[in-house]
């Protein structure tokens, strides 16, 4: 996967949100706090997970069609509602998929 993005970033300061639960109507409160290095949760976009699977060989069974399979899978994500743009798909393919 392309390493153009930092692997670790955190928020600058604590943030709290309060509100009312959509379905329950219960009062809710959530706090986000900065995390120390090498802790916390890593969030991946669906498209990043797909590219990681490609890099780990999960598309190898497609043989000569594996590049087409990863591209088709990225478009499937897009048309299933994931926020991935046409330009982003082209960029992913040109930078990450080896022919």
Protein backbone atom coordinates (compact mmCIF):
# COMPACT_ATOMS: atom_id res chain seq x y z
CA UNK A 1 0.00 0.00 0.00
CA UNK A 2 1.23 3.47 -0.75
CA UNK A 3 2.82 5.15 2.27
CA UNK A 4 1.97 8.75 1.32
CA UNK A 5 -0.11 9.06 4.46
CA UNK A 6 1.32 9.02 8.00
CA UNK A 7 0.65 5.78 9.84
CA UNK A 8 0.12 7.55 13.15
CA UNK A 9 -1.73 10.75 13.83
CA UNK A 10 -3.83 11.78 16.79
CA UNK A 11 -6.09 14.65 17.74
CA UNK A 12 -4.49 17.74 19.28
CA UNK A 13 -6.70 17.95 22.37
CA UNK A 14 -9.57 16.20 24.13
CA UNK A 15 -13.01 16.67 22.57
CA UNK A 16 -16.36 15.80 24.13
CA UNK A 17 -19.68 15.53 22.36
CA UNK A 18 -23.10 15.32 24.01
CA UNK A 19 -26.44 14.61 22.46
CA UNK A 20 -29.55 12.49 22.42
CA UNK A 21 -29.56 8.96 21.00
CA UNK A 22 -31.38 8.77 17.66
CA UNK A 23 -33.30 5.55 18.41
CA UNK A 24 -33.40 5.51 22.22
CA UNK A 25 -33.75 9.18 23.08
CA UNK A 26 -31.22 8.62 25.86
CA UNK A 27 -28.70 11.32 26.71
CA UNK A 28 -25.26 10.35 25.42
CA UNK A 29 -21.75 11.66 25.88
CA UNK A 30 -18.55 10.60 24.14
CA UNK A 31 -14.98 11.74 24.75
CA UNK A 32 -12.05 11.58 22.35
CA UNK A 33 -8.59 11.93 23.86
CA UNK A 34 -5.18 12.16 22.19
CA UNK A 35 -3.46 8.78 22.12
CA UNK A 36 0.20 8.11 22.95
CA UNK A 37 2.44 6.81 20.15
CA UNK A 38 1.92 3.15 19.16
CA UNK A 39 -1.52 2.97 20.77
CA UNK A 40 -5.07 3.62 19.71
CA UNK A 41 -7.11 2.45 16.76
CA UNK A 42 -6.04 2.41 13.12
CA UNK A 43 -8.87 3.20 10.73
CA UNK A 44 -8.71 1.93 7.17
CA UNK A 45 -10.91 2.96 4.31
CA UNK A 46 -12.56 0.11 2.41
CA UNK A 47 -10.42 0.90 -0.63
CA UNK A 48 -7.25 0.67 1.51
CA UNK A 49 -8.29 -2.77 2.80
CA UNK A 50 -8.89 -3.92 -0.76
CA UNK A 51 -5.43 -2.76 -1.83
CA UNK A 52 -3.89 -4.43 1.21
CA UNK A 53 -5.59 -7.69 0.22
CA UNK A 54 -4.19 -7.26 -3.29
CA UNK A 55 -0.66 -6.72 -1.94
CA UNK A 56 -0.97 -9.78 0.30
CA UNK A 57 -1.83 -11.96 -2.70
CA UNK A 58 -5.57 -12.47 -2.22
CA UNK A 59 -6.14 -11.74 -5.90
CA UNK A 60 -3.43 -14.15 -7.12
CA UNK A 61 -6.00 -16.82 -8.04
CA UNK A 62 -7.23 -14.53 -10.82
CA UNK A 63 -3.90 -14.94 -12.62
CA UNK A 64 -3.56 -12.57 -15.55
CA UNK A 65 -6.90 -10.98 -14.62
CA UNK A 66 -5.88 -9.91 -11.11
CA UNK A 67 -5.35 -6.27 -12.17
CA UNK A 68 -8.82 -6.24 -13.73
CA UNK A 69 -10.24 -7.92 -10.61
CA UNK A 70 -8.83 -5.29 -8.23
CA UNK A 71 -10.08 -2.47 -10.47
CA UNK A 72 -13.54 -4.06 -10.69
CA UNK A 73 -13.56 -4.48 -6.92
CA UNK A 74 -12.73 -0.80 -6.40
CA UNK A 75 -15.61 0.18 -8.69
CA UNK A 76 -17.89 -2.21 -6.80
CA UNK A 77 -17.00 -0.37 -3.59
CA UNK A 78 -17.77 2.96 -5.25
CA UNK A 79 -21.15 1.85 -6.57
CA UNK A 80 -22.01 0.25 -3.22
CA UNK A 81 -21.82 3.66 -1.60
CA UNK A 82 -18.22 3.95 -0.44
CA UNK A 83 -16.71 7.40 -0.82
CA UNK A 84 -14.11 6.63 -3.46
CA UNK A 85 -13.94 8.80 -6.57
CA UNK A 86 -13.17 7.92 -10.17
CA UNK A 87 -9.89 9.83 -10.04
CA UNK A 88 -8.95 8.09 -6.82
CA UNK A 89 -9.55 4.69 -8.40
CA UNK A 90 -7.37 5.62 -11.39
CA UNK A 91 -4.70 6.88 -9.01
CA UNK A 92 -4.83 3.69 -6.92
CA UNK A 93 -4.48 1.55 -10.03
CA UNK A 94 -1.59 3.54 -11.52
CA UNK A 95 0.39 3.75 -8.24
CA UNK A 96 -0.37 0.44 -6.54
CA UNK A 97 -1.23 -2.22 -9.10
CA UNK A 98 1.78 -3.78 -10.82
CA UNK A 99 1.14 -5.20 -14.25
